[in-house]
Every structure is written in C-alpha cells, then in structure tokens.
Amino acid sequence: MMNSLQRNVMVGGRVVRTDSEGYLENLADWSEAFAEALARQEGLVLTPAHWEVIHFLRAYFHEHGVQAQVRVMIRHFTEAWGPERGSNHHLHDLFPVGGPQKQGNRLAGLLRTKGEH
C-alpha cells in the first residue's frame, strides 16, 4: 500500500517507488527509462541537452559523493555550451519544475539535496 509520502513510477511494467516529490527511494532503481517515465509524469520531454545535464549530475555525484551545486553546473555548462546556454536562466528553462538542482537531481535518480522541503 502506498502512503502519502510515496509516489510510484511505472518503468517497463515494473513499479519504481519514489517519495512524494519523485525522488527515488532506492538509488539502484535508476535507469534512463525511469528518467523518461518521471519526466513524462512531470510534463517534460527529454532532449539531448536534458540528458547531458542528467549524465553530468550522475557523474558528479559518483565522483564527489554529493550533488552538484547550481554554480558548479553553470560553470560546467558555460564551458561546454557557451555563456547563454550554460546560464542559470537556461538551465532553469530546461528543468522548469524546481530547476536543475531539484528536477535535474530527481530525473538523475539522486537524493533530495539538503535544504529542500
């Protein structure tokens, strides 16, 4: 039974459990199919730019053990994409439901960052 603090995401006929905001309960449940299913629930169509951010977030987390701060994302994507596309504004346009740090981390299958409620 699902309580009010959980949501389910159907991925390939399998239920993947998340908390009330869509963060994975078990980080090992992440897959690209999960990201696509959660994005659909959130009304987002993932483009190659979204995938670049998602893969960056996952790689950063695995290398550093913490989520990338927005300023780290801006620095990385400004170098990768140029100042306009790497800007805070553009990153928030890509991830309109909480920005790259909330929605990006959810889609990347990472934990809720400290300070989120």
PDB file of N, CA and C in Angstrom:
ATOM      1  N   MET A   1       0.849  -1.184   0.000  1.00  0.00           N
ATOM      2  CA  MET A   1       0.000   0.000   0.000  1.00  0.00           C
ATOM      3  C   MET A   1       0.894   1.247   0.000  1.00  0.00           C
ATOM      4  N   MET A   2       0.523   2.247  -0.785  1.00  0.00           N
ATOM      5  CA  MET A   2       1.301   3.470  -0.880  1.00  0.00           C
ATOM      6  C   MET A   2       0.793   4.483   0.137  1.00  0.00           C
ATOM      7  N   ASN A   3       1.721   5.068   0.903  1.00  0.00           N
ATOM      8  CA  ASN A   3       1.276   6.116   1.828  1.00  0.00           C
ATOM      9  C   ASN A   3       1.418   7.473   1.163  1.00  0.00           C
ATOM     10  N   SER A   4       1.024   8.518   1.846  1.00  0.00           N
ATOM     11  CA  SER A   4       1.010   9.850   1.246  1.00  0.00           C
ATOM     12  C   SER A   4       2.413  10.388   0.987  1.00  0.00           C
ATOM     13  N   LEU A   5       3.435   9.704   1.505  1.00  0.00           N
ATOM     14  CA  LEU A   5       4.799  10.166   1.298  1.00  0.00           C
ATOM     15  C   LEU A   5       5.479   9.447   0.137  1.00  0.00           C
ATOM     16  N   GLN A   6       4.718   8.669  -0.640  1.00  0.00           N
ATOM     17  CA  GLN A   6       5.295   7.926  -1.748  1.00  0.00           C
ATOM     18  C   GLN A   6       4.514   8.154  -3.035  1.00  0.00           C
ATOM     19  N   ARG A   7       5.245   8.058  -4.139  1.00  0.00           N
ATOM     20  CA  ARG A   7       4.645   8.013  -5.472  1.00  0.00           C
ATOM     21  C   ARG A   7       5.247   6.815  -6.168  1.00  0.00           C
ATOM     22  N   ASN A   8       4.548   6.280  -7.115  1.00  0.00           N
ATOM     23  CA  ASN A   8       5.087   5.191  -7.918  1.00  0.00           C
ATOM     24  C   ASN A   8       5.295   5.678  -9.342  1.00  0.00           C
ATOM     25  N   VAL A   9       6.340   5.174  -9.979  1.00  0.00           N
ATOM     26  CA  VAL A   9       6.605   5.450 -11.377  1.00  0.00           C
ATOM     27  C   VAL A   9       6.667   4.095 -12.072  1.00  0.00           C
ATOM     28  N   MET A  10       5.855   3.927 -13.101  1.00  0.00           N
ATOM     29  CA  MET A  10       5.873   2.672 -13.856  1.00  0.00           C
ATOM     30  C   MET A  10       7.003   2.735 -14.880  1.00  0.00           C
ATOM     31  N   VAL A  11       7.890   1.748 -14.808  1.00  0.00           N
ATOM     32  CA  VAL A  11       9.033   1.684 -15.716  1.00  0.00           C
ATOM     33  C   VAL A  11       9.064   0.280 -16.307  1.00  0.00           C
ATOM     34  N   GLY A  12       8.731   0.175 -17.584  1.00  0.00           N
ATOM     35  CA  GLY A  12       8.758  -1.117 -18.249  1.00  0.00           C
ATOM     36  C   GLY A  12       7.898  -2.159 -17.566  1.00  0.00           C
ATOM     37  N   GLY A  13       6.722  -1.766 -17.101  1.00  0.00           N
ATOM     38  CA  GLY A  13       5.811  -2.691 -16.443  1.00  0.00           C
ATOM     39  C   GLY A  13       6.152  -2.973 -14.986  1.00  0.00           C
ATOM     40  N   ARG A  14       7.185  -2.304 -14.460  1.00  0.00           N
ATOM     41  CA  ARG A  14       7.605  -2.515 -13.075  1.00  0.00           C
ATOM     42  C   ARG A  14       7.382  -1.230 -12.293  1.00  0.00           C
ATOM     43  N   VAL A  15       6.917  -1.361 -11.060  1.00  0.00           N
ATOM     44  CA  VAL A  15       6.700  -0.196 -10.198  1.00  0.00           C
ATOM     45  C   VAL A  15       8.027   0.192  -9.548  1.00  0.00           C
ATOM     46  N   VAL A  16       8.409   1.457  -9.713  1.00  0.00           N
ATOM     47  CA  VAL A  16       9.589   2.003  -9.036  1.00  0.00           C
ATOM     48  C   VAL A  16       9.080   2.993  -8.009  1.00  0.00           C
ATOM     49  N   ARG A  17       9.480   2.800  -6.769  1.00  0.00           N
ATOM     50  CA  ARG A  17       8.983   3.639  -5.672  1.00  0.00           C
ATOM     51  C   ARG A  17       9.819   4.906  -5.517  1.00  0.00           C
ATOM     52  N   THR A  18       9.090   6.005  -5.337  1.00  0.00           N
ATOM     53  CA  THR A  18       9.732   7.293  -5.070  1.00  0.00           C
ATOM     54  C   THR A  18       9.022   7.924  -3.880  1.00  0.00           C
ATOM     55  N   ASP A  19       9.644   8.979  -3.351  1.00  0.00           N
ATOM     56  CA  ASP A  19       8.970   9.717  -2.277  1.00  0.00           C
ATOM     57  C   ASP A  19       7.912  10.632  -2.885  1.00  0.00           C
ATOM     58  N   SER A  20       7.300  11.473  -2.064  1.00  0.00           N
ATOM     59  CA  SER A  20       6.187  12.315  -2.516  1.00  0.00           C
ATOM     60  C   SER A  20       6.587  13.299  -3.605  1.00  0.00           C
ATOM     61  N   GLU A  21       7.892  13.612  -3.722  1.00  0.00           N
ATOM     62  CA  GLU A  21       8.336  14.569  -4.740  1.00  0.00           C
ATOM     63  C   GLU A  21       8.967  13.897  -5.945  1.00  0.00           C
ATOM     64  N   GLY A  22       9.020  12.572  -5.949  1.00  0.00           N
ATOM     65  CA  GLY A  22       9.558  11.868  -7.101  1.00  0.00           C
ATOM     66  C   GLY A  22      11.012  11.448  -6.982  1.00  0.00           C
ATOM     67  N   TYR A  23      11.619  11.648  -5.810  1.00  0.00           N
ATOM     68  CA  TYR A  23      12.995  11.190  -5.610  1.00  0.00           C
ATOM     69  C   TYR A  23      12.983   9.693  -5.351  1.00  0.00           C
ATOM     70  N   LEU A  24      13.902   8.966  -5.967  1.00  0.00           N
ATOM     71  CA  LEU A  24      13.977   7.521  -5.791  1.00  0.00           C
ATOM     72  C   LEU A  24      14.153   7.147  -4.326  1.00  0.00           C
ATOM     73  N   GLU A  25      13.460   6.094  -3.902  1.00  0.00           N
ATOM     74  CA  GLU A  25      13.693   5.546  -2.568  1.00  0.00           C
ATOM     75  C   GLU A  25      14.966   4.704  -2.566  1.00  0.00           C
ATOM     76  N   ASN A  26      15.255   4.033  -3.689  1.00  0.00           N
ATOM     77  CA  ASN A  26      16.434   3.192  -3.810  1.00  0.00           C
ATOM     78  C   ASN A  26      17.217   3.674  -5.030  1.00  0.00           C
ATOM     79  N   LEU A  27      18.391   4.255  -4.812  1.00  0.00           N
ATOM     80  CA  LEU A  27      19.167   4.826  -5.917  1.00  0.00           C
ATOM     81  C   LEU A  27      19.512   3.799  -6.985  1.00  0.00           C
ATOM     82  N   ALA A  28      19.571   2.527  -6.610  1.00  0.00           N
ATOM     83  CA  ALA A  28      19.889   1.470  -7.575  1.00  0.00           C
ATOM     84  C   ALA A  28      18.750   1.240  -8.574  1.00  0.00           C
ATOM     85  N   ASP A  29      17.567   1.805  -8.323  1.00  0.00           N
ATOM     86  CA  ASP A  29      16.437   1.655  -9.243  1.00  0.00           C
ATOM     87  C   ASP A  29      16.529   2.595 -10.442  1.00  0.00           C
ATOM     88  N   TRP A  30      17.542   3.473 -10.491  1.00  0.00           N
ATOM     89  CA  TRP A  30      17.613   4.439 -11.588  1.00  0.00           C
ATOM     90  C   TRP A  30      17.942   3.739 -12.903  1.00  0.00           C
ATOM     91  N   SER A  31      17.314   4.237 -13.951  1.00  0.00           N
ATOM     92  CA  SER A  31      17.634   3.856 -15.330  1.00  0.00           C
ATOM     93  C   SER A  31      17.207   5.015 -16.217  1.00  0.00           C
ATOM     94  N   GLU A  32      17.671   5.009 -17.451  1.00  0.00           N
ATOM     95  CA  GLU A  32      17.214   6.050 -18.380  1.00  0.00           C
ATOM     96  C   GLU A  32      15.708   5.938 -18.576  1.00  0.00           C
ATOM     97  N   ALA A  33      15.184   4.712 -18.546  1.00  0.00           N
ATOM     98  CA  ALA A  33      13.738   4.517 -18.687  1.00  0.00           C
ATOM     99  C   ALA A  33      13.000   5.155 -17.502  1.00  0.00           C
ATOM    100  N   PHE A  34      13.576   5.071 -16.292  1.00  0.00           N
ATOM    101  CA  PHE A  34      12.977   5.745 -15.132  1.00  0.00           C
ATOM    102  C   PHE A  34      12.943   7.254 -15.376  1.00  0.00           C
ATOM    103  N   ALA A  35      14.068   7.819 -15.822  1.00  0.00           N
ATOM    104  CA  ALA A  35      14.125   9.269 -16.065  1.00  0.00           C
ATOM    105  C   ALA A  35      13.064   9.679 -17.083  1.00  0.00           C
ATOM    106  N   GLU A  36      12.912   8.888 -18.142  1.00  0.00           N
ATOM    107  CA  GLU A  36      11.907   9.209 -19.160  1.00  0.00           C
ATOM    108  C   GLU A  36      10.494   9.123 -18.591  1.00  0.00           C
ATOM    109  N   ALA A  37      10.220   8.091 -17.784  1.00  0.00           N
ATOM    110  CA  ALA A  37       8.883   7.930 -17.205  1.00  0.00           C
ATOM    111  C   ALA A  37       8.565   9.056 -16.229  1.00  0.00           C
ATOM    112  N   LEU A  38       9.528   9.413 -15.378  1.00  0.00           N
ATOM    113  CA  LEU A  38       9.302  10.503 -14.422  1.00  0.00           C
ATOM    114  C   LEU A  38       9.142  11.830 -15.166  1.00  0.00           C
ATOM    115  N   ALA A  39       9.953  12.052 -16.182  1.00  0.00           N
ATOM    116  CA  ALA A  39       9.827  13.283 -16.969  1.00  0.00           C
ATOM    117  C   ALA A  39       8.430  13.381 -17.580  1.00  0.00           C
ATOM    118  N   ARG A  40       7.921  12.268 -18.114  1.00  0.00           N
ATOM    119  CA  ARG A  40       6.553  12.277 -18.668  1.00  0.00           C
ATOM    120  C   ARG A  40       5.553  12.672 -17.589  1.00  0.00           C
ATOM    121  N   GLN A  41       5.683  12.106 -16.385  1.00  0.00           N
ATOM    122  CA  GLN A  41       4.773  12.468 -15.284  1.00  0.00           C
ATOM    123  C   GLN A  41       4.844  13.958 -14.987  1.00  0.00           C
ATOM    124  N   GLU A  42       6.033  14.549 -15.167  1.00  0.00           N
ATOM    125  CA  GLU A  42       6.233  15.967 -14.857  1.00  0.00           C
ATOM    126  C   GLU A  42       6.015  16.855 -16.079  1.00  0.00           C
ATOM    127  N   GLY A  43       5.539  16.279 -17.187  1.00  0.00           N
ATOM    128  CA  GLY A  43       5.224  17.061 -18.379  1.00  0.00           C
ATOM    129  C   GLY A  43       6.436  17.538 -19.147  1.00  0.00           C
ATOM    130  N   LEU A  44       7.534  16.798 -19.065  1.00  0.00           N
ATOM    131  CA  LEU A  44       8.786  17.208 -19.687  1.00  0.00           C
ATOM    132  C   LEU A  44       9.206  16.177 -20.726  1.00  0.00           C
ATOM    133  N   VAL A  45       9.601  16.636 -21.909  1.00  0.00           N
ATOM    134  CA  VAL A  45      10.157  15.769 -22.940  1.00  0.00           C
ATOM    135  C   VAL A  45      11.670  15.949 -22.898  1.00  0.00           C
ATOM    136  N   LEU A  46      12.387  14.857 -22.659  1.00  0.00           N
ATOM    137  CA  LEU A  46      13.843  14.939 -22.515  1.00  0.00           C
ATOM    138  C   LEU A  46      14.522  15.065 -23.875  1.00  0.00           C
ATOM    139  N   THR A  47      15.348  16.099 -24.001  1.00  0.00           N
ATOM    140  CA  THR A  47      16.125  16.373 -25.209  1.00  0.00           C
ATOM    141  C   THR A  47      17.582  15.975 -24.945  1.00  0.00           C
ATOM    142  N   PRO A  48      18.424  15.995 -25.970  1.00  0.00           N
ATOM    143  CA  PRO A  48      19.847  15.724 -25.728  1.00  0.00           C
ATOM    144  C   PRO A  48      20.455  16.646 -24.666  1.00  0.00           C
ATOM    145  N   ALA A  49      20.010  17.890 -24.589  1.00  0.00           N
ATOM    146  CA  ALA A  49      20.529  18.809 -23.564  1.00  0.00           C
ATOM    147  C   ALA A  49      20.139  18.335 -22.163  1.00  0.00           C
ATOM    148  N   HIS A  50      18.902  17.876 -21.996  1.00  0.00           N
ATOM    149  CA  HIS A  50      18.496  17.329 -20.693  1.00  0.00           C
ATOM    150  C   HIS A  50      19.383  16.156 -20.311  1.00  0.00           C
ATOM    151  N   TRP A  51      19.617  15.257 -21.284  1.00  0.00           N
ATOM    152  CA  TRP A  51      20.439  14.082 -20.998  1.00  0.00           C
ATOM    153  C   TRP A  51      21.856  14.471 -20.619  1.00  0.00           C
ATOM    154  N   GLU A  52      22.404  15.522 -21.262  1.00  0.00           N
ATOM    155  CA  GLU A  52      23.746  15.980 -20.883  1.00  0.00           C
ATOM    156  C   GLU A  52      23.771  16.400 -19.421  1.00  0.00           C
ATOM    157  N   VAL A  53      22.752  17.141 -18.993  1.00  0.00           N
ATOM    158  CA  VAL A  53      22.686  17.578 -17.599  1.00  0.00           C
ATOM    159  C   VAL A  53      22.505  16.373 -16.679  1.00  0.00           C
ATOM    160  N   ILE A  54      21.603  15.476 -17.015  1.00  0.00           N
ATOM    161  CA  ILE A  54      21.352  14.297 -16.187  1.00  0.00           C
ATOM    162  C   ILE A  54      22.622  13.469 -16.033  1.00  0.00           C
ATOM    163  N   HIS A  55      23.325  13.222 -17.131  1.00  0.00           N
ATOM    164  CA  HIS A  55      24.550  12.418 -17.054  1.00  0.00           C
ATOM    165  C   HIS A  55      25.651  13.158 -16.288  1.00  0.00           C
ATOM    166  N   PHE A  56      25.728  14.484 -16.448  1.00  0.00           N
ATOM    167  CA  PHE A  56      26.685  15.270 -15.661  1.00  0.00           C
ATOM    168  C   PHE A  56      26.384  15.139 -14.167  1.00  0.00           C
ATOM    169  N   LEU A  57      25.105  15.288 -13.799  1.00  0.00           N
ATOM    170  CA  LEU A  57      24.720  15.197 -12.385  1.00  0.00           C
ATOM    171  C   LEU A  57      25.080  13.831 -11.804  1.00  0.00           C
ATOM    172  N   ARG A  58      24.814  12.771 -12.543  1.00  0.00           N
ATOM    173  CA  ARG A  58      25.134  11.418 -12.065  1.00  0.00           C
ATOM    174  C   ARG A  58      26.642  11.235 -11.925  1.00  0.00           C
ATOM    175  N   ALA A  59      27.399  11.677 -12.921  1.00  0.00           N
ATOM    176  CA  ALA A  59      28.858  11.526 -12.876  1.00  0.00           C
ATOM    177  C   ALA A  59      29.448  12.341 -11.722  1.00  0.00           C
ATOM    178  N   TYR A  60      28.958  13.563 -11.543  1.00  0.00           N
ATOM    179  CA  TYR A  60      29.457  14.415 -10.466  1.00  0.00           C
ATOM    180  C   TYR A  60      29.185  13.762  -9.110  1.00  0.00           C
ATOM    181  N   PHE A  61      27.960  13.247  -8.937  1.00  0.00           N
ATOM    182  CA  PHE A  61      27.601  12.605  -7.679  1.00  0.00           C
ATOM    183  C   PHE A  61      28.497  11.393  -7.421  1.00  0.00           C
ATOM    184  N   HIS A  62      28.713  10.580  -8.443  1.00  0.00           N
ATOM    185  CA  HIS A  62      29.523   9.380  -8.258  1.00  0.00           C
ATOM    186  C   HIS A  62      30.986   9.726  -7.993  1.00  0.00           C
ATOM    187  N   GLU A  63      31.464  10.837  -8.556  1.00  0.00           N
ATOM    188  CA  GLU A  63      32.858  11.243  -8.328  1.00  0.00           C
ATOM    189  C   GLU A  63      33.045  11.922  -6.977  1.00  0.00           C
ATOM    190  N   HIS A  64      32.084  12.768  -6.569  1.00  0.00           N
ATOM    191  CA  HIS A  64      32.252  13.595  -5.369  1.00  0.00           C
ATOM    192  C   HIS A  64      31.427  13.143  -4.167  1.00  0.00           C
ATOM    193  N   GLY A  65      30.421  12.290  -4.382  1.00  0.00           N
ATOM    194  CA  GLY A  65      29.599  11.813  -3.280  1.00  0.00           C
ATOM    195  C   GLY A  65      28.532  12.793  -2.818  1.00  0.00           C
ATOM    196  N   VAL A  66      28.403  13.910  -3.523  1.00  0.00           N
ATOM    197  CA  VAL A  66      27.371  14.915  -3.224  1.00  0.00           C
ATOM    198  C   VAL A  66      26.821  15.431  -4.549  1.00  0.00           C
ATOM    199  N   GLN A  67      25.633  16.041  -4.476  1.00  0.00           N
ATOM    200  CA  GLN A  67      25.046  16.629  -5.674  1.00  0.00           C
ATOM    201  C   GLN A  67      25.797  17.898  -6.062  1.00  0.00           C
ATOM    202  N   ALA A  68      25.842  18.149  -7.353  1.00  0.00           N
ATOM    203  CA  ALA A  68      26.457  19.380  -7.857  1.00  0.00           C
ATOM    204  C   ALA A  68      25.595  20.572  -7.472  1.00  0.00           C
ATOM    205  N   GLN A  69      26.238  21.622  -6.989  1.00  0.00           N
ATOM    206  CA  GLN A  69      25.517  22.867  -6.731  1.00  0.00           C
ATOM    207  C   GLN A  69      25.251  23.553  -8.068  1.00  0.00           C
ATOM    208  N   VAL A  70      24.238  24.421  -8.089  1.00  0.00           N
ATOM    209  CA  VAL A  70      23.879  25.097  -9.338  1.00  0.00           C
ATOM    210  C   VAL A  70      25.070  25.861  -9.900  1.00  0.00           C
ATOM    211  N   ARG A  71      25.859  26.498  -9.043  1.00  0.00           N
ATOM    212  CA  ARG A  71      27.006  27.267  -9.564  1.00  0.00           C
ATOM    213  C   ARG A  71      28.016  26.366 -10.264  1.00  0.00           C
ATOM    214  N   VAL A  72      28.164  25.113  -9.783  1.00  0.00           N
ATOM    215  CA  VAL A  72      29.048  24.144 -10.433  1.00  0.00           C
ATOM    216  C   VAL A  72      28.473  23.769 -11.796  1.00  0.00           C
ATOM    217  N   MET A  73      27.154  23.579 -11.859  1.00  0.00           N
ATOM    218  CA  MET A  73      26.503  23.272 -13.140  1.00  0.00           C
ATOM    219  C   MET A  73      26.692  24.423 -14.125  1.00  0.00           C
ATOM    220  N   ILE A  74      26.486  25.646 -13.650  1.00  0.00           N
ATOM    221  CA  ILE A  74      26.617  26.817 -14.527  1.00  0.00           C
ATOM    222  C   ILE A  74      28.043  26.903 -15.076  1.00  0.00           C
ATOM    223  N   ARG A  75      29.038  26.713 -14.207  1.00  0.00           N
ATOM    224  CA  ARG A  75      30.435  26.778 -14.653  1.00  0.00           C
ATOM    225  C   ARG A  75      30.696  25.684 -15.712  1.00  0.00           C
ATOM    226  N   HIS A  76      30.263  24.465 -15.429  1.00  0.00           N
ATOM    227  CA  HIS A  76      30.495  23.357 -16.364  1.00  0.00           C
ATOM    228  C   HIS A  76      29.805  23.605 -17.706  1.00  0.00           C
ATOM    229  N   PHE A  77      28.514  23.963 -17.665  1.00  0.00           N
ATOM    230  CA  PHE A  77      27.761  24.093 -18.920  1.00  0.00           C
ATOM    231  C   PHE A  77      28.082  25.382 -19.660  1.00  0.00           C
ATOM    232  N   THR A  78      28.565  26.399 -18.975  1.00  0.00           N
ATOM    233  CA  THR A  78      29.047  27.588 -19.674  1.00  0.00           C
ATOM    234  C   THR A  78      30.286  27.223 -20.495  1.00  0.00           C
ATOM    235  N   GLU A  79      31.167  26.398 -19.905  1.00  0.00           N
ATOM    236  CA  GLU A  79      32.343  25.938 -20.657  1.00  0.00           C
ATOM    237  C   GLU A  79      31.928  25.021 -21.804  1.00  0.00           C
ATOM    238  N   ALA A  80      30.952  24.148 -21.568  1.00  0.00           N
ATOM    239  CA  ALA A  80      30.542  23.166 -22.572  1.00  0.00           C
ATOM    240  C   ALA A  80      29.685  23.777 -23.678  1.00  0.00           C
ATOM    241  N   TRP A  81      28.752  24.661 -23.305  1.00  0.00           N
ATOM    242  CA  TRP A  81      27.748  25.152 -24.244  1.00  0.00           C
ATOM    243  C   TRP A  81      27.872  26.639 -24.573  1.00  0.00           C
ATOM    244  N   GLY A  82      28.702  27.366 -23.872  1.00  0.00           N
ATOM    245  CA  GLY A  82      28.781  28.811 -24.051  1.00  0.00           C
ATOM    246  C   GLY A  82      27.951  29.526 -22.999  1.00  0.00           C
ATOM    247  N   PRO A  83      28.200  30.843 -22.830  1.00  0.00           N
ATOM    248  CA  PRO A  83      27.593  31.580 -21.712  1.00  0.00           C
ATOM    249  C   PRO A  83      26.074  31.670 -21.747  1.00  0.00           C
ATOM    250  N   GLU A  84      25.454  31.706 -22.924  1.00  0.00           N
ATOM    251  CA  GLU A  84      23.993  31.839 -22.965  1.00  0.00           C
ATOM    252  C   GLU A  84      23.315  30.524 -22.603  1.00  0.00           C
ATOM    253  N   ARG A  85      23.724  29.431 -23.242  1.00  0.00           N
ATOM    254  CA  ARG A  85      23.095  28.134 -22.976  1.00  0.00           C
ATOM    255  C   ARG A  85      23.515  27.558 -21.624  1.00  0.00           C
ATOM    256  N   GLY A  86      24.669  27.944 -21.115  1.00  0.00           N
ATOM    257  CA  GLY A  86      25.125  27.437 -19.827  1.00  0.00           C
ATOM    258  C   GLY A  86      24.649  28.257 -18.648  1.00  0.00           C
ATOM    259  N   SER A  87      23.842  29.270 -18.909  1.00  0.00           N
ATOM    260  CA  SER A  87      23.409  30.189 -17.850  1.00  0.00           C
ATOM    261  C   SER A  87      22.388  29.557 -16.905  1.00  0.00           C
ATOM    262  N   ASN A  88      22.291  30.145 -15.737  1.00  0.00           N
ATOM    263  CA  ASN A  88      21.299  29.726 -14.747  1.00  0.00           C
ATOM    264  C   ASN A  88      19.897  29.771 -15.369  1.00  0.00           C
ATOM    265  N   HIS A  89      19.605  30.834 -16.100  1.00  0.00           N
ATOM    266  CA  HIS A  89      18.287  31.002 -16.717  1.00  0.00           C
ATOM    267  C   HIS A  89      17.982  29.840 -17.671  1.00  0.00           C
ATOM    268  N   HIS A  90      18.939  29.502 -18.533  1.00  0.00           N
ATOM    269  CA  HIS A  90      18.714  28.421 -19.498  1.00  0.00           C
ATOM    270  C   HIS A  90      18.555  27.077 -18.783  1.00  0.00           C
ATOM    271  N   LEU A  91      19.370  26.819 -17.761  1.00  0.00           N
ATOM    272  CA  LEU A  91      19.253  25.560 -17.021  1.00  0.00           C
ATOM    273  C   LEU A  91      17.885  25.446 -16.353  1.00  0.00           C
ATOM    274  N   HIS A  92      17.369  26.577 -15.844  1.00  0.00           N
ATOM    275  CA  HIS A  92      16.031  26.555 -15.236  1.00  0.00           C
ATOM    276  C   HIS A  92      14.941  26.406 -16.291  1.00  0.00           C
ATOM    277  N   ASP A  93      15.175  26.927 -17.499  1.00  0.00           N
ATOM    278  CA  ASP A  93      14.217  26.704 -18.589  1.00  0.00           C
ATOM    279  C   ASP A  93      14.154  25.227 -18.958  1.00  0.00           C
ATOM    280  N   LEU A  94      15.314  24.547 -18.931  1.00  0.00           N
ATOM    281  CA  LEU A  94      15.341  23.120 -19.248  1.00  0.00           C
ATOM    282  C   LEU A  94      14.565  22.301 -18.210  1.00  0.00           C
ATOM    283  N   PHE A  95      14.681  22.716 -16.945  1.00  0.00           N
ATOM    284  CA  PHE A  95      14.069  21.973 -15.831  1.00  0.00           C
ATOM    285  C   PHE A  95      13.112  22.907 -15.081  1.00  0.00           C
ATOM    286  N   PRO A  96      11.915  23.132 -15.642  1.00  0.00           N
ATOM    287  CA  PRO A  96      11.009  24.144 -15.091  1.00  0.00           C
ATOM    288  C   PRO A  96      10.344  23.765 -13.768  1.00  0.00           C
ATOM    289  N   VAL A  97      10.413  22.491 -13.357  1.00  0.00           N
ATOM    290  CA  VAL A  97       9.766  22.070 -12.117  1.00  0.00           C
ATOM    291  C   VAL A  97      10.828  21.933 -11.034  1.00  0.00           C
ATOM    292  N   GLY A  98      11.340  23.080 -10.566  1.00  0.00           N
ATOM    293  CA  GLY A  98      12.328  23.070  -9.489  1.00  0.00           C
ATOM    294  C   GLY A  98      13.749  23.322  -9.928  1.00  0.00           C
ATOM    295  N   GLY A  99      13.962  23.578 -11.200  1.00  0.00           N
ATOM    296  CA  GLY A  99      15.307  23.890 -11.663  1.00  0.00           C
ATOM    297  C   GLY A  99      16.191  22.652 -11.758  1.00  0.00           C
ATOM    298  N   PRO A 100      17.443  22.866 -12.178  1.00  0.00           N
ATOM    299  CA  PRO A 100      18.329  21.727 -12.386  1.00  0.00           C
ATOM    300  C   PRO A 100      18.705  21.017 -11.092  1.00  0.00           C
ATOM    301  N   GLN A 101      18.692  21.736  -9.972  1.00  0.00           N
ATOM    302  CA  GLN A 101      19.100  21.081  -8.739  1.00  0.00           C
ATOM    303  C   GLN A 101      17.997  20.193  -8.171  1.00  0.00           C
ATOM    304  N   LYS A 102      16.746  20.563  -8.332  1.00  0.00           N
ATOM    305  CA  LYS A 102      15.653  19.714  -7.849  1.00  0.00           C
ATOM    306  C   LYS A 102      15.208  18.749  -8.944  1.00  0.00           C
ATOM    307  N   GLN A 103      14.651  19.271 -10.030  1.00  0.00           N
ATOM    308  CA  GLN A 103      14.144  18.389 -11.080  1.00  0.00           C
ATOM    309  C   GLN A 103      15.277  17.600 -11.733  1.00  0.00           C
ATOM    310  N   GLY A 104      16.397  18.246 -11.948  1.00  0.00           N
ATOM    311  CA  GLY A 104      17.536  17.536 -12.535  1.00  0.00           C
ATOM    312  C   GLY A 104      17.978  16.368 -11.670  1.00  0.00           C
ATOM    313  N   ASN A 105      18.103  16.593 -10.364  1.00  0.00           N
ATOM    314  CA  ASN A 105      18.504  15.519  -9.456  1.00  0.00           C
ATOM    315  C   ASN A 105      17.457  14.416  -9.397  1.00  0.00           C
ATOM    316  N   ARG A 106      16.171  14.785  -9.409  1.00  0.00           N
ATOM    317  CA  ARG A 106      15.122  13.750  -9.427  1.00  0.00           C
ATOM    318  C   ARG A 106      15.270  12.860 -10.648  1.00  0.00           C
ATOM    319  N   LEU A 107      15.404  13.490 -11.823  1.00  0.00           N
ATOM    320  CA  LEU A 107      15.497  12.740 -13.061  1.00  0.00           C
ATOM    321  C   LEU A 107      16.801  11.938 -13.144  1.00  0.00           C
ATOM    322  N   ALA A 108      17.839  12.430 -12.485  1.00  0.00           N
ATOM    323  CA  ALA A 108      19.133  11.726 -12.468  1.00  0.00           C
ATOM    324  C   ALA A 108      19.138  10.612 -11.419  1.00  0.00           C
ATOM    325  N   GLY A 109      18.046  10.482 -10.671  1.00  0.00           N
ATOM    326  CA  GLY A 109      17.946   9.419  -9.695  1.00  0.00           C
ATOM    327  C   GLY A 109      18.761   9.666  -8.448  1.00  0.00           C
ATOM    328  N   LEU A 110      19.000  10.946  -8.141  1.00  0.00           N
ATOM    329  CA  LEU A 110      19.804  11.282  -6.975  1.00  0.00           C
ATOM    330  C   LEU A 110      18.896  11.687  -5.810  1.00  0.00           C
ATOM    331  N   LEU A 111      19.483  11.768  -4.647  1.00  0.00           N
ATOM    332  CA  LEU A 111      18.729  12.121  -3.442  1.00  0.00           C
ATOM    333  C   LEU A 111      18.350  13.585  -3.456  1.00  0.00           C
ATOM    334  N   ARG A 112      17.360  13.882  -2.667  1.00  0.00           N
ATOM    335  CA  ARG A 112      16.950  15.257  -2.408  1.00  0.00           C
ATOM    336  C   ARG A 112      18.158  15.979  -1.795  1.00  0.00           C
ATOM    337  N   THR A 113      18.423  17.203  -2.242  1.00  0.00           N
ATOM    338  CA  THR A 113      19.563  17.940  -1.682  1.00  0.00           C
ATOM    339  C   THR A 113      19.208  18.532  -0.331  1.00  0.00           C
ATOM    340  N   LYS A 114      20.217  18.761   0.486  1.00  0.00           N
ATOM    341  CA  LYS A 114      19.992  19.356   1.796  1.00  0.00           C
ATOM    342  C   LYS A 114      19.295  20.701   1.634  1.00  0.00           C
ATOM    343  N   GLY A 115      18.399  20.998   2.521  1.00  0.00           N
ATOM    344  CA  GLY A 115      17.705  22.284   2.472  1.00  0.00           C
ATOM    345  C   GLY A 115      16.416  22.240   1.669  1.00  0.00           C
ATOM    346  N   GLU A 116      16.175  21.142   0.938  1.00  0.00           N
ATOM    347  CA  GLU A 116      14.900  21.046   0.216  1.00  0.00           C
ATOM    348  C   GLU A 116      13.823  20.596   1.166  1.00  0.00           C
ATOM    349  N   HIS A 117      12.577  21.023   0.903  1.00  0.00           N
ATOM    350  CA  HIS A 117      11.467  20.528   1.700  1.00  0.00           C
ATOM    351  C   HIS A 117      10.375  20.041   0.781  1.00  0.00           C
TER     352      HIS A 117
END
